[in-house]
Amino acid sequence: MIELVKTTNAVRLTYLQSLLDSANIPFVVFDQHISMLEAGIGAFPRRIMVEKPFLFSARSILQDAREFYND
């Protein structure tokens, strides 16, 4: 799996997931459950990971939406 983007913004994470779901691109969110350890302060970024065959399509979708950046 390859890291597509990472974010600490929960709302943006949901939006990115929605974009990828709409395009039927499979992905996995890494570090999503770390919030239990950090007391929900959002200090650790969540990473959206995709498999290599879907990387180009996923990047294109996020670039079109102007969401292909890390925050």
PDB file of N, CA and C in Angstrom:
ATOM      1  N   MET A   1       0.851  -1.173   0.000  1.00  0.00           N
ATOM      2  CA  MET A   1       0.000   0.000   0.000  1.00  0.00           C
ATOM      3  C   MET A   1       0.897   1.237   0.000  1.00  0.00           C
ATOM      4  N   ILE A   2       0.418   2.274  -0.660  1.00  0.00           N
ATOM      5  CA  ILE A   2       1.170   3.513  -0.810  1.00  0.00           C
ATOM      6  C   ILE A   2       0.364   4.651  -0.204  1.00  0.00           C
ATOM      7  N   GLU A   3       1.043   5.528   0.515  1.00  0.00           N
ATOM      8  CA  GLU A   3       0.374   6.670   1.139  1.00  0.00           C
ATOM      9  C   GLU A   3      -0.073   7.661   0.067  1.00  0.00           C
ATOM     10  N   LEU A   4      -1.330   7.985   0.093  1.00  0.00           N
ATOM     11  CA  LEU A   4      -1.890   8.960  -0.841  1.00  0.00           C
ATOM     12  C   LEU A   4      -1.843  10.349  -0.223  1.00  0.00           C
ATOM     13  N   VAL A   5      -2.468  10.522   0.918  1.00  0.00           N
ATOM     14  CA  VAL A   5      -2.428  11.788   1.660  1.00  0.00           C
ATOM     15  C   VAL A   5      -2.504  11.494   3.151  1.00  0.00           C
ATOM     16  N   LYS A   6      -2.126  12.488   3.943  1.00  0.00           N
ATOM     17  CA  LYS A   6      -2.315  12.382   5.389  1.00  0.00           C
ATOM     18  C   LYS A   6      -2.889  13.699   5.890  1.00  0.00           C
ATOM     19  N   THR A   7      -3.737  13.585   6.909  1.00  0.00           N
ATOM     20  CA  THR A   7      -4.410  14.758   7.442  1.00  0.00           C
ATOM     21  C   THR A   7      -4.749  14.558   8.911  1.00  0.00           C
ATOM     22  N   THR A   8      -4.797  15.672   9.628  1.00  0.00           N
ATOM     23  CA  THR A   8      -5.260  15.653  11.013  1.00  0.00           C
ATOM     24  C   THR A   8      -6.691  16.173  11.108  1.00  0.00           C
ATOM     25  N   ASN A   9      -7.250  16.602   9.993  1.00  0.00           N
ATOM     26  CA  ASN A   9      -8.585  17.183   9.943  1.00  0.00           C
ATOM     27  C   ASN A   9      -9.620  16.076   9.703  1.00  0.00           C
ATOM     28  N   ALA A  10     -10.430  15.808  10.705  1.00  0.00           N
ATOM     29  CA  ALA A  10     -11.418  14.721  10.610  1.00  0.00           C
ATOM     30  C   ALA A  10     -12.462  14.984   9.535  1.00  0.00           C
ATOM     31  N   VAL A  11     -12.858  16.226   9.359  1.00  0.00           N
ATOM     32  CA  VAL A  11     -13.858  16.561   8.335  1.00  0.00           C
ATOM     33  C   VAL A  11     -13.270  16.347   6.943  1.00  0.00           C
ATOM     34  N   ARG A  12     -12.029  16.778   6.748  1.00  0.00           N
ATOM     35  CA  ARG A  12     -11.371  16.581   5.453  1.00  0.00           C
ATOM     36  C   ARG A  12     -11.185  15.089   5.178  1.00  0.00           C
ATOM     37  N   LEU A  13     -10.845  14.324   6.193  1.00  0.00           N
ATOM     38  CA  LEU A  13     -10.679  12.885   6.029  1.00  0.00           C
ATOM     39  C   LEU A  13     -11.967  12.253   5.504  1.00  0.00           C
ATOM     40  N   THR A  14     -13.085  12.643   6.064  1.00  0.00           N
ATOM     41  CA  THR A  14     -14.377  12.132   5.616  1.00  0.00           C
ATOM     42  C   THR A  14     -14.644  12.526   4.166  1.00  0.00           C
ATOM     43  N   TYR A  15     -14.302  13.755   3.811  1.00  0.00           N
ATOM     44  CA  TYR A  15     -14.494  14.225   2.435  1.00  0.00           C
ATOM     45  C   TYR A  15     -13.618  13.428   1.459  1.00  0.00           C
ATOM     46  N   LEU A  16     -12.367  13.199   1.823  1.00  0.00           N
ATOM     47  CA  LEU A  16     -11.466  12.427   0.965  1.00  0.00           C
ATOM     48  C   LEU A  16     -11.972  10.997   0.785  1.00  0.00           C
ATOM     49  N   GLN A  17     -12.449  10.412   1.857  1.00  0.00           N
ATOM     50  CA  GLN A  17     -13.010   9.071   1.772  1.00  0.00           C
ATOM     51  C   GLN A  17     -14.213   9.042   0.845  1.00  0.00           C
ATOM     52  N   SER A  18     -15.034  10.075   0.914  1.00  0.00           N
ATOM     53  CA  SER A  18     -16.209  10.160   0.057  1.00  0.00           C
ATOM     54  C   SER A  18     -15.813  10.256  -1.423  1.00  0.00           C
ATOM     55  N   LEU A  19     -14.793  11.057  -1.713  1.00  0.00           N
ATOM     56  CA  LEU A  19     -14.317  11.183  -3.094  1.00  0.00           C
ATOM     57  C   LEU A  19     -13.837   9.837  -3.636  1.00  0.00           C
ATOM     58  N   LEU A  20     -13.064   9.136  -2.831  1.00  0.00           N
ATOM     59  CA  LEU A  20     -12.538   7.843  -3.279  1.00  0.00           C
ATOM     60  C   LEU A  20     -13.633   6.787  -3.371  1.00  0.00           C
ATOM     61  N   ASP A  21     -14.555   6.800  -2.428  1.00  0.00           N
ATOM     62  CA  ASP A  21     -15.685   5.865  -2.486  1.00  0.00           C
ATOM     63  C   ASP A  21     -16.516   6.080  -3.747  1.00  0.00           C
ATOM     64  N   SER A  22     -16.752   7.338  -4.083  1.00  0.00           N
ATOM     65  CA  SER A  22     -17.559   7.663  -5.264  1.00  0.00           C
ATOM     66  C   SER A  22     -16.926   7.146  -6.548  1.00  0.00           C
ATOM     67  N   ALA A  23     -15.597   7.079  -6.552  1.00  0.00           N
ATOM     68  CA  ALA A  23     -14.873   6.598  -7.735  1.00  0.00           C
ATOM     69  C   ALA A  23     -14.582   5.101  -7.662  1.00  0.00           C
ATOM     70  N   ASN A  24     -15.107   4.434  -6.643  1.00  0.00           N
ATOM     71  CA  ASN A  24     -14.894   2.992  -6.449  1.00  0.00           C
ATOM     72  C   ASN A  24     -13.416   2.631  -6.347  1.00  0.00           C
ATOM     73  N   ILE A  25     -12.656   3.486  -5.675  1.00  0.00           N
ATOM     74  CA  ILE A  25     -11.236   3.225  -5.444  1.00  0.00           C
ATOM     75  C   ILE A  25     -11.083   2.672  -4.030  1.00  0.00           C
ATOM     76  N   PRO A  26     -10.572   1.457  -3.912  1.00  0.00           N
ATOM     77  CA  PRO A  26     -10.386   0.893  -2.571  1.00  0.00           C
ATOM     78  C   PRO A  26      -9.239   1.583  -1.836  1.00  0.00           C
ATOM     79  N   PHE A  27      -9.429   1.794  -0.555  1.00  0.00           N
ATOM     80  CA  PHE A  27      -8.415   2.465   0.261  1.00  0.00           C
ATOM     81  C   PHE A  27      -8.540   1.975   1.693  1.00  0.00           C
ATOM     82  N   VAL A  28      -7.514   2.258   2.469  1.00  0.00           N
ATOM     83  CA  VAL A  28      -7.507   1.945   3.890  1.00  0.00           C
ATOM     84  C   VAL A  28      -7.006   3.180   4.619  1.00  0.00           C
ATOM     85  N   VAL A  29      -7.627   3.499   5.760  1.00  0.00           N
ATOM     86  CA  VAL A  29      -7.174   4.618   6.578  1.00  0.00           C
ATOM     87  C   VAL A  29      -6.299   4.045   7.687  1.00  0.00           C
ATOM     88  N   PHE A  30      -5.021   4.433   7.665  1.00  0.00           N
ATOM     89  CA  PHE A  30      -4.091   4.013   8.710  1.00  0.00           C
ATOM     90  C   PHE A  30      -4.110   5.027   9.843  1.00  0.00           C
ATOM     91  N   ASP A  31      -3.822   4.568  11.028  1.00  0.00           N
ATOM     92  CA  ASP A  31      -3.702   5.403  12.236  1.00  0.00           C
ATOM     93  C   ASP A  31      -5.028   6.003  12.683  1.00  0.00           C
ATOM     94  N   GLN A  32      -6.127   5.460  12.228  1.00  0.00           N
ATOM     95  CA  GLN A  32      -7.431   5.999  12.588  1.00  0.00           C
ATOM     96  C   GLN A  32      -7.750   5.779  14.063  1.00  0.00           C
ATOM     97  N   HIS A  33      -7.257   4.712  14.623  1.00  0.00           N
ATOM     98  CA  HIS A  33      -7.594   4.389  16.005  1.00  0.00           C
ATOM     99  C   HIS A  33      -6.567   4.906  17.012  1.00  0.00           C
ATOM    100  N   ILE A  34      -5.589   5.637  16.549  1.00  0.00           N
ATOM    101  CA  ILE A  34      -4.594   6.206  17.456  1.00  0.00           C
ATOM    102  C   ILE A  34      -5.229   7.269  18.355  1.00  0.00           C
ATOM    103  N   SER A  35      -6.390   7.785  17.956  1.00  0.00           N
ATOM    104  CA  SER A  35      -7.057   8.816  18.755  1.00  0.00           C
ATOM    105  C   SER A  35      -7.394   8.324  20.153  1.00  0.00           C
ATOM    106  N   MET A  36      -7.549   7.011  20.310  1.00  0.00           N
ATOM    107  CA  MET A  36      -7.798   6.474  21.647  1.00  0.00           C
ATOM    108  C   MET A  36      -6.593   6.705  22.555  1.00  0.00           C
ATOM    109  N   LEU A  37      -5.423   6.683  21.970  1.00  0.00           N
ATOM    110  CA  LEU A  37      -4.200   6.881  22.746  1.00  0.00           C
ATOM    111  C   LEU A  37      -3.871   8.355  22.954  1.00  0.00           C
ATOM    112  N   GLU A  38      -4.311   9.204  22.043  1.00  0.00           N
ATOM    113  CA  GLU A  38      -3.970  10.626  22.119  1.00  0.00           C
ATOM    114  C   GLU A  38      -5.066  11.461  22.767  1.00  0.00           C
ATOM    115  N   ALA A  39      -6.080  10.850  23.283  1.00  0.00           N
ATOM    116  CA  ALA A  39      -7.199  11.524  23.957  1.00  0.00           C
ATOM    117  C   ALA A  39      -7.994  12.428  23.016  1.00  0.00           C
ATOM    118  N   GLY A  40      -8.011  12.091  21.728  1.00  0.00           N
ATOM    119  CA  GLY A  40      -8.845  12.804  20.772  1.00  0.00           C
ATOM    120  C   GLY A  40      -8.391  14.207  20.408  1.00  0.00           C
ATOM    121  N   ILE A  41      -7.103  14.542  20.604  1.00  0.00           N
ATOM    122  CA  ILE A  41      -6.647  15.902  20.309  1.00  0.00           C
ATOM    123  C   ILE A  41      -6.274  16.108  18.853  1.00  0.00           C
ATOM    124  N   GLY A  42      -6.186  15.044  18.073  1.00  0.00           N
ATOM    125  CA  GLY A  42      -5.913  15.165  16.642  1.00  0.00           C
ATOM    126  C   GLY A  42      -4.466  15.471  16.310  1.00  0.00           C
ATOM    127  N   ALA A  43      -3.532  15.085  17.150  1.00  0.00           N
ATOM    128  CA  ALA A  43      -2.126  15.388  16.920  1.00  0.00           C
ATOM    129  C   ALA A  43      -1.482  14.477  15.877  1.00  0.00           C
ATOM    130  N   PHE A  44      -1.992  13.276  15.747  1.00  0.00           N
ATOM    131  CA  PHE A  44      -1.411  12.326  14.799  1.00  0.00           C
ATOM    132  C   PHE A  44      -2.224  12.310  13.511  1.00  0.00           C
ATOM    133  N   PRO A  45      -1.559  12.486  12.376  1.00  0.00           N
ATOM    134  CA  PRO A  45      -2.300  12.461  11.113  1.00  0.00           C
ATOM    135  C   PRO A  45      -2.784  11.065  10.760  1.00  0.00           C
ATOM    136  N   ARG A  46      -3.935  11.014  10.139  1.00  0.00           N
ATOM    137  CA  ARG A  46      -4.469   9.770   9.590  1.00  0.00           C
ATOM    138  C   ARG A  46      -3.980   9.698   8.156  1.00  0.00           C
ATOM    139  N   ARG A  47      -3.625   8.499   7.705  1.00  0.00           N
ATOM    140  CA  ARG A  47      -3.090   8.323   6.359  1.00  0.00           C
ATOM    141  C   ARG A  47      -4.062   7.514   5.517  1.00  0.00           C
ATOM    142  N   ILE A  48      -4.332   8.013   4.328  1.00  0.00           N
ATOM    143  CA  ILE A  48      -5.141   7.259   3.368  1.00  0.00           C
ATOM    144  C   ILE A  48      -4.172   6.523   2.456  1.00  0.00           C
ATOM    145  N   MET A  49      -4.317   5.208   2.443  1.00  0.00           N
ATOM    146  CA  MET A  49      -3.430   4.350   1.681  1.00  0.00           C
ATOM    147  C   MET A  49      -4.214   3.675   0.557  1.00  0.00           C
ATOM    148  N   VAL A  50      -3.562   3.558  -0.609  1.00  0.00           N
ATOM    149  CA  VAL A  50      -4.169   2.856  -1.749  1.00  0.00           C
ATOM    150  C   VAL A  50      -3.157   1.866  -2.305  1.00  0.00           C
ATOM    151  N   GLU A  51      -3.657   0.886  -3.003  1.00  0.00           N
ATOM    152  CA  GLU A  51      -2.765  -0.062  -3.670  1.00  0.00           C
ATOM    153  C   GLU A  51      -2.226   0.578  -4.941  1.00  0.00           C
ATOM    154  N   LYS A  52      -1.052   0.152  -5.346  1.00  0.00           N
ATOM    155  CA  LYS A  52      -0.346   0.762  -6.472  1.00  0.00           C
ATOM    156  C   LYS A  52      -1.177   0.870  -7.751  1.00  0.00           C
ATOM    157  N   PRO A  53      -1.957  -0.148  -8.129  1.00  0.00           N
ATOM    158  CA  PRO A  53      -2.734  -0.027  -9.372  1.00  0.00           C
ATOM    159  C   PRO A  53      -3.762   1.121  -9.355  1.00  0.00           C
ATOM    160  N   PHE A  54      -4.158   1.563  -8.167  1.00  0.00           N
ATOM    161  CA  PHE A  54      -5.163   2.614  -8.052  1.00  0.00           C
ATOM    162  C   PHE A  54      -4.554   3.991  -7.765  1.00  0.00           C
ATOM    163  N   LEU A  55      -3.238   4.055  -7.620  1.00  0.00           N
ATOM    164  CA  LEU A  55      -2.586   5.298  -7.208  1.00  0.00           C
ATOM    165  C   LEU A  55      -2.810   6.442  -8.194  1.00  0.00           C
ATOM    166  N   PHE A  56      -2.619   6.203  -9.480  1.00  0.00           N
ATOM    167  CA  PHE A  56      -2.778   7.264 -10.477  1.00  0.00           C
ATOM    168  C   PHE A  56      -4.206   7.808 -10.485  1.00  0.00           C
ATOM    169  N   SER A  57      -5.183   6.924 -10.463  1.00  0.00           N
ATOM    170  CA  SER A  57      -6.587   7.349 -10.473  1.00  0.00           C
ATOM    171  C   SER A  57      -6.922   8.135  -9.212  1.00  0.00           C
ATOM    172  N   ALA A  58      -6.453   7.644  -8.070  1.00  0.00           N
ATOM    173  CA  ALA A  58      -6.736   8.319  -6.803  1.00  0.00           C
ATOM    174  C   ALA A  58      -6.109   9.714  -6.770  1.00  0.00           C
ATOM    175  N   ARG A  59      -4.870   9.817  -7.227  1.00  0.00           N
ATOM    176  CA  ARG A  59      -4.213  11.135  -7.274  1.00  0.00           C
ATOM    177  C   ARG A  59      -4.971  12.086  -8.190  1.00  0.00           C
ATOM    178  N   SER A  60      -5.392  11.587  -9.344  1.00  0.00           N
ATOM    179  CA  SER A  60      -6.117  12.429 -10.304  1.00  0.00           C
ATOM    180  C   SER A  60      -7.412  12.965  -9.704  1.00  0.00           C
ATOM    181  N   ILE A  61      -8.131  12.112  -9.005  1.00  0.00           N
ATOM    182  CA  ILE A  61      -9.392  12.528  -8.393  1.00  0.00           C
ATOM    183  C   ILE A  61      -9.153  13.613  -7.348  1.00  0.00           C
ATOM    184  N   LEU A  62      -8.151  13.401  -6.509  1.00  0.00           N
ATOM    185  CA  LEU A  62      -7.867  14.395  -5.467  1.00  0.00           C
ATOM    186  C   LEU A  62      -7.305  15.687  -6.061  1.00  0.00           C
ATOM    187  N   GLN A  63      -6.520  15.594  -7.114  1.00  0.00           N
ATOM    188  CA  GLN A  63      -6.013  16.798  -7.770  1.00  0.00           C
ATOM    189  C   GLN A  63      -7.151  17.596  -8.403  1.00  0.00           C
ATOM    190  N   ASP A  64      -8.092  16.915  -9.039  1.00  0.00           N
ATOM    191  CA  ASP A  64      -9.248  17.600  -9.626  1.00  0.00           C
ATOM    192  C   ASP A  64     -10.069  18.330  -8.566  1.00  0.00           C
ATOM    193  N   ALA A  65     -10.128  17.750  -7.368  1.00  0.00           N
ATOM    194  CA  ALA A  65     -10.876  18.364  -6.268  1.00  0.00           C
ATOM    195  C   ALA A  65     -10.010  19.343  -5.471  1.00  0.00           C
ATOM    196  N   ARG A  66      -8.765  19.522  -5.901  1.00  0.00           N
ATOM    197  CA  ARG A  66      -7.792  20.393  -5.198  1.00  0.00           C
ATOM    198  C   ARG A  66      -7.573  19.951  -3.757  1.00  0.00           C
ATOM    199  N   GLU A  67      -7.517  18.640  -3.572  1.00  0.00           N
ATOM    200  CA  GLU A  67      -7.344  18.060  -2.235  1.00  0.00           C
ATOM    201  C   GLU A  67      -6.109  17.163  -2.148  1.00  0.00           C
ATOM    202  N   PHE A  68      -5.225  17.247  -3.127  1.00  0.00           N
ATOM    203  CA  PHE A  68      -4.034  16.393  -3.114  1.00  0.00           C
ATOM    204  C   PHE A  68      -2.891  17.122  -2.420  1.00  0.00           C
ATOM    205  N   TYR A  69      -2.959  17.155  -1.098  1.00  0.00           N
ATOM    206  CA  TYR A  69      -1.906  17.762  -0.277  1.00  0.00           C
ATOM    207  C   TYR A  69      -1.999  17.180   1.123  1.00  0.00           C
ATOM    208  N   ASN A  70      -0.914  17.267   1.860  1.00  0.00           N
ATOM    209  CA  ASN A  70      -0.897  16.827   3.254  1.00  0.00           C
ATOM    210  C   ASN A  70      -1.094  18.035   4.160  1.00  0.00           C
ATOM    211  N   ASP A  71      -1.801  17.842   5.247  1.00  0.00           N
ATOM    212  CA  ASP A  71      -1.934  18.932   6.224  1.00  0.00           C
ATOM    213  C   ASP A  71      -1.733  18.423   7.622  1.00  0.00           C
TER     214      ASP A  71
END
